[in-house]
Amino acid sequence: MSDLLSLSAVEARAALDAGDVSAPELTEAYLGAIEETGPLNNYVAVTADKAMDMAKVSQDKISAGEAGLIEGLPVGVKDLFCTAGVASTACSRILDGFTPTYESTVTANLWREGGVMLGKINCDEFAMGSANETSAFGPAVNPWQAGDGVDLVPGGSSGGSASAVAARSALLATGTDTGGSIRQPAAFCGVVGMKPTYGRCSRWGIVAFASSLDQAGPFSRTVADNALMMQAMASHDPKDSTSADTPLPDLMAALDKGVKGMKIGVPSEYVMDGMDSEVVALWETGQAWLRDAGAELVEISLPHTKYALPAYYIIAPAEASSNLARYDGVRYGLRVEADSLDDMYGETRAAGFGDEVQRRIMIGTYVLSAGYYDAYYLKAQKVRRLIRQDFDTAWQQVDAILTPATPTAAFPVGRKVEDPVTNFLNDVFTVPANLAGLPGMAVPAGLNTEGLPLGLQILGRPFDEATLYSIGRVIEDAAGFDAVPARRAGGV
């Protein structure tokens, strides 16, 4: 089994086409890996029978020469994506018993291209969190451990997806990124995570958190695997009014273009108090790698960066307050019976939503209320526009921007959960890209002195994911990151 689990997605596709392995065999290996890594609490539902049925169909298509882009490759699905006939709860008690009759556009695209669904993966409740500790199913755990053996968070909200890919219990996985929820977990778990440009992947059928910020994206172990999955999942979707009708270039072809002649921006504002010195050192090393590969490093300024986090934590809760109003116990999900309709609403929402979700709903309702809308929400939107203008100015000088992905490595489970403000700071480097609608990718680039992964983040122009993959491949080759976590399937 360990030999199959060691294959990258690109290698697995080649092995399937060559007949060296069958799709059912590969799927069985990953189903076994899910069981082996069960203590990591990555999955909230395993769809073993469905996976084997899909694998058999994939094998028939491979044999007939009709294979899709990811034909036969096992995929884990973040529980925020609606999957037809499979419970989709957003890891919240309020959606207990909700089984969609429809498929999200992103997962439908993946299944059309031959992906095999392993199951639904743990995440922060309604994607609200930076550590995967707000899930109704309990926290997911990072397969990496510090020397003291203490369990670490995998990041959030897509922590289960990053952890599963790192632990070899998913070959590929979907995530969503509202303020860093793909890139931060990818950095914490030593995998590759891409947040595409807002509008690149359809949001239809994904449980909404903050509609102007949410964007789906892929997790993988390598940059090439990530490009392959991205090619399969992105599409224009008439069902999503924010979906962009912009053709996706050949991302696999972009992998070998290199960075010679590119100008890469280094924003001075991304040196902040509280950053780990090893993160700063890795950032400087990443700059040297790109310079050695032929890129020109350019110091740039993004002056409104310091306002990104406070603006985000006004806009995102405001949109969440509106989006989550639909969960009232009337039509689907949890219902707590009470003497009156109003009491039923209150009791259902109190029992169904966790503390973090309730906190954000209350913040959002407050900033949208009469007398505070102009003072908070409208002002935050103006700041958002200034942040976007900072990037627009930068694109006149550079082709992409290199930053750290996170201010620190992964921290112990439970350490920051009681301090929501400290938790929010995990997103300090990732939030600006969501506010500006830009693509961003996290690439594993090294280990700290405790043996934990650290990542670098690449930001790009709107709809220029191809350049990010070119740069990501150069960083990946220079870093030579081949470390694996101890708590993984097929490990020793």
Protein backbone atom coordinates (compact mmCIF):
# COMPACT_ATOMS: atom_id res chain seq x y z
CA MET A 1 0.00 0.00 0.00
CA SER A 2 2.79 2.44 0.88
CA ASP A 3 4.14 2.28 -2.68
CA LEU A 4 0.79 3.41 -4.10
CA LEU A 5 0.47 6.16 -1.50
CA SER A 6 3.90 7.51 -2.43
CA LEU A 7 2.79 8.28 -5.99
CA SER A 8 2.01 11.89 -6.82
CA ALA A 9 -1.21 12.54 -8.73
CA VAL A 10 0.70 12.99 -12.00
CA GLU A 11 2.61 9.76 -11.36
CA ALA A 12 -0.58 7.92 -10.43
CA ARG A 13 -2.28 9.04 -13.66
CA ALA A 14 0.69 7.71 -15.65
CA ALA A 15 0.64 4.42 -13.73
CA LEU A 16 -3.09 4.03 -14.34
CA ASP A 17 -2.72 4.66 -18.06
CA ALA A 18 0.19 2.22 -18.27
CA GLY A 19 -1.80 -0.47 -16.46
CA ASP A 20 0.72 -0.68 -13.62
CA VAL A 21 -2.12 -0.15 -11.15
CA SER A 22 -5.90 -0.16 -11.43
CA ALA A 23 -8.23 2.54 -10.21
CA PRO A 24 -9.91 0.16 -7.70
CA GLU A 25 -6.49 -0.80 -6.30
CA LEU A 26 -5.51 2.84 -5.86
CA THR A 27 -8.84 3.64 -4.24
CA GLU A 28 -8.58 0.66 -1.87
CA ALA A 29 -5.14 1.89 -0.80
CA TYR A 30 -6.51 5.30 0.11
CA LEU A 31 -9.54 3.89 1.89
CA GLY A 32 -7.12 1.83 3.96
CA ALA A 33 -5.08 4.97 4.59
CA ILE A 34 -8.16 6.78 5.89
CA GLU A 35 -8.69 4.01 8.43
CA GLU A 36 -5.02 3.99 9.39
CA THR A 37 -4.96 7.74 10.02
CA GLY A 38 -8.33 7.83 11.78
CA PRO A 39 -6.95 9.45 14.97
CA LEU A 40 -6.23 12.60 12.93
CA ASN A 41 -10.01 13.07 12.59
CA ASN A 42 -9.66 14.27 9.00
CA TYR A 43 -12.85 12.75 7.63
CA VAL A 44 -16.38 13.29 8.89
CA ALA A 45 -17.86 10.76 6.44
CA VAL A 46 -16.17 8.06 4.36
CA THR A 47 -18.01 7.04 1.18
CA ALA A 48 -16.25 3.72 0.61
CA ASP A 49 -18.94 2.04 -1.50
CA LYS A 50 -19.39 5.12 -3.67
CA ALA A 51 -15.62 5.40 -4.08
CA MET A 52 -15.27 1.82 -5.27
CA ASP A 53 -18.16 2.22 -7.70
CA MET A 54 -16.59 5.37 -9.12
CA ALA A 55 -13.20 3.66 -9.34
CA LYS A 56 -14.66 0.80 -11.37
CA VAL A 57 -16.23 3.27 -13.79
CA SER A 58 -12.89 5.06 -14.05
CA GLN A 59 -11.09 1.83 -14.81
CA ASP A 60 -13.51 1.11 -17.65
CA LYS A 61 -12.90 4.60 -19.08
CA ILE A 62 -9.14 4.17 -18.82
CA SER A 63 -9.32 0.80 -20.58
CA ALA A 64 -11.42 2.38 -23.33
CA GLY A 65 -8.97 5.26 -23.78
CA GLU A 66 -11.54 7.78 -22.54
CA ALA A 67 -9.82 8.93 -19.36
CA GLY A 68 -10.46 12.41 -17.95
CA LEU A 69 -7.82 14.72 -16.51
CA ILE A 70 -7.91 13.11 -13.06
CA GLU A 71 -9.39 9.76 -14.02
CA GLY A 72 -9.16 7.28 -11.15
CA LEU A 73 -7.52 9.68 -8.68
CA PRO A 74 -8.92 9.61 -5.10
CA VAL A 75 -10.23 13.00 -3.92
CA GLY A 76 -11.33 14.18 -0.47
CA VAL A 77 -14.09 16.81 -0.38
CA LYS A 78 -14.28 19.55 2.23
CA ASP A 79 -17.65 19.30 3.98
CA LEU A 80 -18.57 22.78 2.71
CA PHE A 81 -19.25 21.37 -0.79
CA CYS A 82 -22.72 19.96 -1.45
CA THR A 83 -22.54 16.39 -2.74
CA ALA A 84 -25.63 14.68 -4.11
CA GLY A 85 -26.84 11.87 -1.86
CA VAL A 86 -24.05 12.43 0.68
CA ALA A 87 -24.57 14.42 3.89
CA SER A 88 -23.18 17.96 3.66
CA THR A 89 -23.14 19.72 7.02
CA ALA A 90 -20.45 22.43 6.86
CA CYS A 91 -19.34 20.68 10.07
CA SER A 92 -22.21 22.35 11.94
CA ARG A 93 -24.91 20.84 14.12
CA ILE A 94 -27.47 23.11 12.49
CA LEU A 95 -27.19 21.09 9.25
CA ASP A 96 -27.62 17.71 10.92
CA GLY A 97 -29.42 15.40 8.54
CA PHE A 98 -29.05 17.63 5.45
CA THR A 99 -28.39 15.51 2.37
CA PRO A 100 -28.37 17.53 -0.88
CA THR A 101 -30.13 16.29 -3.98
CA TYR A 102 -27.68 18.25 -6.13
CA GLU A 103 -23.92 18.46 -6.70
CA SER A 104 -21.76 21.56 -6.40
CA THR A 105 -20.34 22.71 -9.72
CA VAL A 106 -16.74 22.22 -8.57
CA THR A 107 -17.26 18.62 -7.45
CA ALA A 108 -19.38 17.89 -10.54
CA ASN A 109 -16.43 19.07 -12.64
CA LEU A 110 -14.07 16.80 -10.71
CA TRP A 111 -16.30 13.75 -11.11
CA ARG A 112 -16.75 14.49 -14.81
CA GLU A 113 -12.96 14.47 -15.18
CA GLY A 114 -12.76 11.09 -13.43
CA GLY A 115 -12.11 11.94 -9.80
CA VAL A 116 -13.05 9.33 -7.20
CA MET A 117 -14.81 10.60 -4.09
CA LEU A 118 -13.31 9.24 -0.87
CA GLY A 119 -15.59 11.11 1.52
CA LYS A 120 -16.30 14.41 3.25
CA ILE A 121 -13.44 16.11 5.09
CA ASN A 122 -13.44 17.97 8.40
CA CYS A 123 -13.30 21.77 8.49
CA ASP A 124 -14.06 24.67 10.79
CA GLU A 125 -17.80 25.19 11.23
CA PHE A 126 -19.09 27.16 8.23
CA ALA A 127 -15.39 27.76 7.41
CA MET A 128 -15.09 30.13 10.39
CA GLY A 129 -11.76 29.50 12.04
CA SER A 130 -8.00 29.36 11.55
CA ALA A 131 -7.21 26.08 13.28
CA ASN A 132 -9.98 23.55 12.44
CA GLU A 133 -11.04 23.63 16.08
CA THR A 134 -14.59 24.96 15.66
CA SER A 135 -15.92 21.87 13.85
CA ALA A 136 -18.94 20.13 15.39
CA PHE A 137 -17.04 16.88 14.78
CA GLY A 138 -14.08 17.96 16.89
CA PRO A 139 -10.71 19.25 15.73
CA ALA A 140 -8.76 17.77 12.87
CA VAL A 141 -5.11 17.13 13.74
CA ASN A 142 -1.95 17.92 11.82
CA PRO A 143 0.08 14.79 10.91
CA TRP A 144 3.23 16.74 11.76
CA GLN A 145 4.34 16.80 15.39
CA ALA A 146 6.87 18.84 17.31
CA GLY A 147 9.54 17.02 19.27
CA ASP A 148 7.39 16.85 22.40
CA GLY A 149 4.72 14.80 20.59
CA VAL A 150 1.98 17.37 21.25
CA ASP A 151 -0.84 17.40 18.69
CA LEU A 152 -0.74 20.41 16.39
CA VAL A 153 -3.52 22.18 14.51
CA PRO A 154 -3.58 21.74 10.73
CA GLY A 155 -4.75 25.32 10.20
CA GLY A 156 -8.18 26.36 9.09
CA SER A 157 -10.72 26.43 7.88
CA SER A 158 -9.66 23.75 5.37
CA GLY A 159 -7.44 22.05 7.90
CA GLY A 160 -8.87 18.59 7.37
CA SER A 161 -8.13 18.78 3.65
CA ALA A 162 -4.51 19.87 4.16
CA SER A 163 -3.99 17.28 6.88
CA ALA A 164 -5.46 14.47 4.77
CA VAL A 165 -3.22 15.26 1.80
CA ALA A 166 -0.15 15.49 4.06
CA ALA A 167 -1.08 12.26 5.87
CA ARG A 168 -1.54 10.36 2.57
CA SER A 169 -5.23 9.71 3.26
CA ALA A 170 -6.23 11.77 0.20
CA LEU A 171 -4.28 12.15 -3.00
CA LEU A 172 -6.05 15.43 -3.77
CA ALA A 173 -8.57 17.49 -1.80
CA THR A 174 -10.85 20.46 -2.24
CA GLY A 175 -10.77 23.50 0.00
CA THR A 176 -12.27 26.95 0.21
CA ASP A 177 -10.42 30.17 0.99
CA THR A 178 -12.22 33.20 2.46
CA GLY A 179 -9.27 34.83 4.23
CA GLY A 180 -6.50 32.28 3.87
CA SER A 181 -8.30 29.02 4.55
CA ILE A 182 -6.42 27.11 1.83
CA ARG A 183 -3.01 28.76 1.98
CA GLN A 184 -2.56 28.83 5.77
CA PRO A 185 -3.40 25.10 6.27
CA ALA A 186 -1.21 24.20 3.29
CA ALA A 187 1.73 25.98 4.94
CA PHE A 188 1.06 24.37 8.33
CA CYS A 189 0.87 20.87 6.81
CA GLY A 190 3.65 21.06 4.22
CA VAL A 191 1.47 20.76 1.12
CA VAL A 192 0.58 22.96 -1.87
CA GLY A 193 -2.60 25.04 -1.69
CA MET A 194 -4.02 27.37 -4.33
CA LYS A 195 -6.63 30.09 -3.91
CA PRO A 196 -7.63 31.01 -7.45
CA THR A 197 -8.81 34.43 -8.57
CA TYR A 198 -12.28 35.26 -7.26
CA GLY A 199 -14.69 33.97 -9.91
CA ARG A 200 -12.33 31.37 -11.38
CA CYS A 201 -14.11 28.45 -9.67
CA SER A 202 -17.88 28.40 -9.28
CA ARG A 203 -19.31 28.97 -5.81
CA TRP A 204 -22.59 27.28 -6.74
CA GLY A 205 -23.33 24.44 -4.34
CA ILE A 206 -20.73 25.54 -1.77
CA VAL A 207 -22.15 26.52 1.62
CA ALA A 208 -21.63 30.29 1.79
CA PHE A 209 -19.65 32.09 4.48
CA ALA A 210 -18.77 35.48 2.95
CA SER A 211 -19.95 35.59 -0.64
CA SER A 212 -17.63 38.32 -1.92
CA LEU A 213 -14.56 36.56 -0.49
CA ASP A 214 -15.15 32.78 -0.73
CA GLN A 215 -13.28 30.88 -3.43
CA ALA A 216 -12.73 27.15 -3.96
CA GLY A 217 -9.29 25.73 -4.67
CA PRO A 218 -7.15 22.56 -4.68
CA PHE A 219 -4.77 20.89 -2.21
CA SER A 220 -2.01 18.57 -3.40
CA ARG A 221 1.45 17.33 -2.48
CA THR A 222 3.19 18.87 -5.51
CA VAL A 223 2.82 21.97 -7.66
CA ALA A 224 2.21 19.85 -10.77
CA ASP A 225 -0.55 17.89 -9.01
CA ASN A 226 -2.14 21.17 -7.98
CA ALA A 227 -2.12 22.48 -11.54
CA LEU A 228 -3.71 19.23 -12.74
CA MET A 229 -6.54 19.44 -10.20
CA MET A 230 -7.04 23.14 -10.84
CA GLN A 231 -7.40 22.42 -14.56
CA ALA A 232 -10.14 19.91 -13.72
CA MET A 233 -12.17 21.94 -11.22
CA ALA A 234 -12.28 25.45 -12.72
CA SER A 235 -15.03 26.51 -15.12
CA HIS A 236 -17.39 29.31 -15.99
CA ASP A 237 -20.80 28.64 -14.46
CA PRO A 238 -24.00 30.46 -15.50
CA LYS A 239 -25.56 29.34 -12.18
CA ASP A 240 -23.07 31.56 -10.29
CA SER A 241 -23.48 35.27 -11.02
CA THR A 242 -19.92 35.92 -9.79
CA SER A 243 -18.37 33.26 -12.04
CA ALA A 244 -15.95 34.78 -14.55
CA ASP A 245 -16.18 33.80 -18.20
CA THR A 246 -12.40 33.91 -18.57
CA PRO A 247 -10.62 31.01 -20.33
CA LEU A 248 -8.24 29.00 -18.18
CA PRO A 249 -4.81 28.63 -19.83
CA ASP A 250 -2.91 25.35 -19.94
CA LEU A 251 -1.57 25.28 -16.40
CA MET A 252 0.50 22.14 -16.93
CA ALA A 253 2.37 23.88 -19.76
CA ALA A 254 3.15 26.79 -17.43
CA LEU A 255 5.06 24.55 -15.02
CA ASP A 256 8.29 24.55 -17.00
CA LYS A 257 8.37 28.20 -18.08
CA GLY A 258 10.61 29.26 -15.23
CA VAL A 259 11.01 32.81 -13.90
CA LYS A 260 13.79 34.20 -16.06
CA GLY A 261 13.05 37.85 -16.80
CA MET A 262 10.20 38.07 -14.30
CA LYS A 263 10.00 40.84 -11.74
CA ILE A 264 8.96 39.56 -8.31
CA GLY A 265 7.76 42.06 -5.71
CA VAL A 266 8.80 41.95 -2.06
CA PRO A 267 6.43 44.10 0.05
CA SER A 268 8.10 45.86 2.95
CA GLU A 269 4.84 45.88 4.94
CA TYR A 270 4.94 42.08 5.32
CA VAL A 271 7.67 42.34 7.97
CA MET A 272 5.53 42.45 11.10
CA ASP A 273 5.80 42.21 14.86
CA GLY A 274 5.33 38.67 16.13
CA MET A 275 6.77 36.97 13.07
CA ASP A 276 8.95 33.96 13.71
CA SER A 277 12.57 34.77 12.80
CA GLU A 278 12.76 31.47 10.90
CA VAL A 279 9.84 32.59 8.71
CA VAL A 280 11.73 35.79 7.86
CA ALA A 281 14.87 33.79 7.07
CA LEU A 282 12.96 31.43 4.79
CA TRP A 283 11.39 34.40 2.98
CA GLU A 284 14.88 35.78 2.32
CA THR A 285 16.02 32.36 1.11
CA GLY A 286 13.04 32.18 -1.25
CA GLN A 287 14.02 35.55 -2.70
CA ALA A 288 17.52 34.20 -3.32
CA TRP A 289 16.14 31.11 -5.05
CA LEU A 290 14.13 33.22 -7.47
CA ARG A 291 17.04 35.60 -8.07
CA ASP A 292 19.30 32.63 -8.85
CA ALA A 293 16.68 31.32 -11.29
CA GLY A 294 16.79 34.58 -13.26
CA ALA A 295 14.08 36.71 -11.66
CA GLU A 296 14.56 40.30 -10.58
CA LEU A 297 13.49 41.02 -7.00
CA VAL A 298 11.85 44.42 -6.56
CA GLU A 299 10.99 46.05 -3.24
CA ILE A 300 7.43 47.33 -3.35
CA SER A 301 5.00 49.00 -0.98
CA LEU A 302 1.46 47.90 -0.16
CA PRO A 303 0.72 50.73 2.28
CA HIS A 304 -2.77 49.71 3.34
CA THR A 305 -1.78 46.17 4.35
CA LYS A 306 -2.09 46.98 8.06
CA TYR A 307 -5.78 47.74 7.59
CA ALA A 308 -6.56 44.46 5.78
CA LEU A 309 -7.26 42.35 8.86
CA PRO A 310 -9.63 44.78 10.60
CA ALA A 311 -11.46 45.44 7.32
CA TYR A 312 -11.79 41.70 6.70
CA TYR A 313 -13.19 41.07 10.18
CA ILE A 314 -15.94 43.59 9.50
CA ILE A 315 -16.82 42.55 5.93
CA ALA A 316 -16.70 38.78 6.43
CA PRO A 317 -18.91 38.66 9.56
CA ALA A 318 -21.36 41.08 7.93
CA GLU A 319 -21.76 38.77 4.93
CA ALA A 320 -21.92 35.74 7.24
CA SER A 321 -24.72 37.35 9.24
CA SER A 322 -26.73 37.68 6.04
CA ASN A 323 -25.86 34.25 4.61
CA LEU A 324 -26.53 32.31 7.80
CA ALA A 325 -29.95 33.86 8.36
CA ARG A 326 -31.39 31.05 6.25
CA TYR A 327 -30.64 28.43 8.93
CA ASP A 328 -33.78 28.70 11.03
CA GLY A 329 -34.98 25.12 11.60
CA VAL A 330 -37.93 25.48 9.21
CA ARG A 331 -36.89 23.88 5.95
CA TYR A 332 -33.92 21.60 6.63
CA GLY A 333 -31.33 20.67 9.21
CA LEU A 334 -31.68 20.85 12.96
CA ARG A 335 -34.95 21.95 14.57
CA VAL A 336 -35.40 22.49 18.30
CA GLU A 337 -39.11 22.52 19.11
CA ALA A 338 -40.40 25.41 21.21
CA ASP A 339 -43.69 27.04 22.25
CA SER A 340 -43.61 29.73 19.56
CA LEU A 341 -42.07 30.28 16.15
CA ASP A 342 -39.74 32.98 17.46
CA ASP A 343 -38.61 30.72 20.29
CA MET A 344 -38.03 27.88 17.83
CA TYR A 345 -35.78 30.14 15.74
CA GLY A 346 -33.80 31.20 18.79
CA GLU A 347 -33.49 27.74 20.34
CA THR A 348 -32.52 26.13 17.02
CA ARG A 349 -29.84 28.68 16.22
CA ALA A 350 -28.47 28.65 19.77
CA ALA A 351 -28.18 24.85 19.74
CA GLY A 352 -27.05 24.57 16.12
CA PHE A 353 -24.33 27.22 15.86
CA GLY A 354 -21.05 26.96 17.75
CA ASP A 355 -19.46 29.79 19.72
CA GLU A 356 -17.28 31.12 16.89
CA VAL A 357 -20.16 31.19 14.41
CA GLN A 358 -22.41 32.94 16.92
CA ARG A 359 -19.64 35.46 17.63
CA ARG A 360 -19.27 36.33 13.95
CA ILE A 361 -23.02 36.52 13.35
CA MET A 362 -23.32 38.98 16.24
CA ILE A 363 -20.42 41.09 14.97
CA GLY A 364 -21.87 41.08 11.47
CA THR A 365 -25.36 42.00 12.61
CA TYR A 366 -23.95 44.85 14.69
CA VAL A 367 -21.91 46.41 11.86
CA LEU A 368 -24.89 46.21 9.50
CA SER A 369 -27.31 47.75 11.96
CA ALA A 370 -28.75 51.27 11.68
CA GLY A 371 -26.29 53.81 12.99
CA TYR A 372 -23.23 51.57 12.54
CA TYR A 373 -23.40 50.65 8.85
CA ASP A 374 -21.62 53.85 7.74
CA ALA A 375 -19.17 53.84 10.63
CA TYR A 376 -18.01 50.26 10.15
CA TYR A 377 -19.21 48.32 7.11
CA LEU A 378 -19.09 51.14 4.57
CA LYS A 379 -15.70 52.31 5.85
CA ALA A 380 -14.34 48.74 5.62
CA GLN A 381 -15.47 48.55 2.00
CA LYS A 382 -13.61 51.78 1.26
CA VAL A 383 -10.47 50.32 2.84
CA ARG A 384 -10.95 47.23 0.72
CA ARG A 385 -10.87 49.37 -2.39
CA LEU A 386 -7.65 51.04 -1.25
CA ILE A 387 -6.06 47.63 -0.73
CA ARG A 388 -7.05 46.62 -4.25
CA GLN A 389 -5.55 49.87 -5.57
CA ASP A 390 -2.27 49.08 -3.77
CA PHE A 391 -2.04 45.84 -5.73
CA ASP A 392 -3.06 47.53 -8.99
CA THR A 393 -0.15 49.92 -8.52
CA ALA A 394 2.20 47.03 -7.76
CA TRP A 395 1.26 45.24 -10.98
CA GLN A 396 2.70 48.17 -12.90
CA GLN A 397 6.10 47.22 -11.47
CA VAL A 398 6.07 43.44 -10.95
CA ASP A 399 4.68 40.20 -12.36
CA ALA A 400 4.02 38.54 -8.98
CA ILE A 401 4.64 39.04 -5.26
CA LEU A 402 6.48 36.79 -2.81
CA THR A 403 5.56 36.80 0.89
CA PRO A 404 5.54 34.40 3.85
CA ALA A 405 2.42 32.25 4.01
CA THR A 406 2.04 32.41 7.80
CA PRO A 407 3.75 34.32 10.63
CA THR A 408 4.60 31.09 12.50
CA ALA A 409 4.58 27.32 12.12
CA ALA A 410 1.63 25.22 13.33
CA PHE A 411 0.78 25.58 17.01
CA PRO A 412 -0.62 23.07 19.53
CA VAL A 413 -4.29 22.10 19.49
CA GLY A 414 -6.21 24.23 21.98
CA ARG A 415 -3.46 26.78 22.55
CA LYS A 416 -5.15 29.75 20.88
CA VAL A 417 -8.78 28.67 20.79
CA GLU A 418 -9.67 30.79 23.84
CA ASP A 419 -8.19 33.92 22.28
CA PRO A 420 -10.10 34.71 19.08
CA VAL A 421 -8.09 37.86 18.32
CA THR A 422 -4.81 35.93 18.40
CA ASN A 423 -6.40 33.32 16.14
CA PHE A 424 -7.38 36.04 13.67
CA LEU A 425 -3.72 37.07 13.33
CA ASN A 426 -2.95 33.75 11.63
CA ASP A 427 -4.50 35.25 8.51
CA VAL A 428 -2.43 38.44 8.45
CA PHE A 429 -0.51 37.52 5.26
CA THR A 430 -3.37 35.85 3.42
CA VAL A 431 -6.38 38.15 3.90
CA PRO A 432 -5.26 40.92 1.48
CA ALA A 433 -5.52 38.60 -1.53
CA ASN A 434 -9.15 37.80 -0.70
CA LEU A 435 -10.06 41.44 -0.25
CA ALA A 436 -8.50 42.20 -3.66
CA GLY A 437 -9.82 39.03 -5.35
CA LEU A 438 -6.31 37.90 -6.34
CA PRO A 439 -4.90 34.39 -6.84
CA GLY A 440 -2.48 33.15 -4.20
CA MET A 441 -0.57 29.92 -3.68
CA ALA A 442 1.28 28.47 -0.70
CA VAL A 443 4.25 26.21 -1.42
CA PRO A 444 6.15 24.22 1.23
CA ALA A 445 9.70 25.52 1.33
CA GLY A 446 11.44 24.22 4.43
CA LEU A 447 11.34 23.04 8.03
CA ASN A 448 11.93 25.05 11.18
CA THR A 449 14.27 23.92 13.96
CA GLU A 450 11.43 21.87 15.49
CA GLY A 451 11.01 19.97 12.23
CA LEU A 452 7.72 21.64 11.28
CA PRO A 453 6.92 22.83 7.75
CA LEU A 454 7.01 26.47 6.69
CA GLY A 455 5.57 27.83 3.46
CA LEU A 456 6.02 30.71 1.07
CA GLN A 457 3.12 32.54 -0.55
CA ILE A 458 3.00 33.78 -4.15
CA LEU A 459 0.40 36.38 -5.15
CA GLY A 460 -0.45 37.20 -8.76
CA ARG A 461 -2.48 39.37 -11.07
CA PRO A 462 -6.16 38.52 -11.50
CA PHE A 463 -6.63 35.35 -13.57
CA ASP A 464 -2.88 34.81 -13.88
CA GLU A 465 -2.71 31.51 -12.01
CA ALA A 466 -0.32 30.23 -14.70
CA THR A 467 2.44 32.57 -13.51
CA LEU A 468 1.97 31.38 -9.94
CA TYR A 469 2.45 27.78 -11.04
CA SER A 470 5.63 28.76 -12.94
CA ILE A 471 7.04 30.44 -9.84
CA GLY A 472 5.78 27.72 -7.51
CA ARG A 473 7.58 25.07 -9.51
CA VAL A 474 10.87 27.00 -9.26
CA ILE A 475 10.48 27.34 -5.48
CA GLU A 476 9.56 23.67 -5.18
CA ASP A 477 12.64 22.58 -7.15
CA ALA A 478 14.95 24.91 -5.21
CA ALA A 479 13.56 23.90 -1.82
CA GLY A 480 13.71 20.18 -2.54
CA PHE A 481 11.03 19.73 0.10
CA ASP A 482 10.64 15.96 0.48
CA ALA A 483 10.08 15.72 4.23
CA VAL A 484 7.06 13.68 5.33
CA PRO A 485 5.15 13.76 8.61
CA ALA A 486 5.56 10.88 11.02
CA ARG A 487 1.80 10.34 11.41
CA ARG A 488 0.99 9.28 7.88
CA ALA A 489 -0.48 6.25 6.21
CA GLY A 490 2.09 3.83 4.89
CA GLY A 491 4.76 5.36 7.14
CA VAL A 492 7.21 3.60 9.40
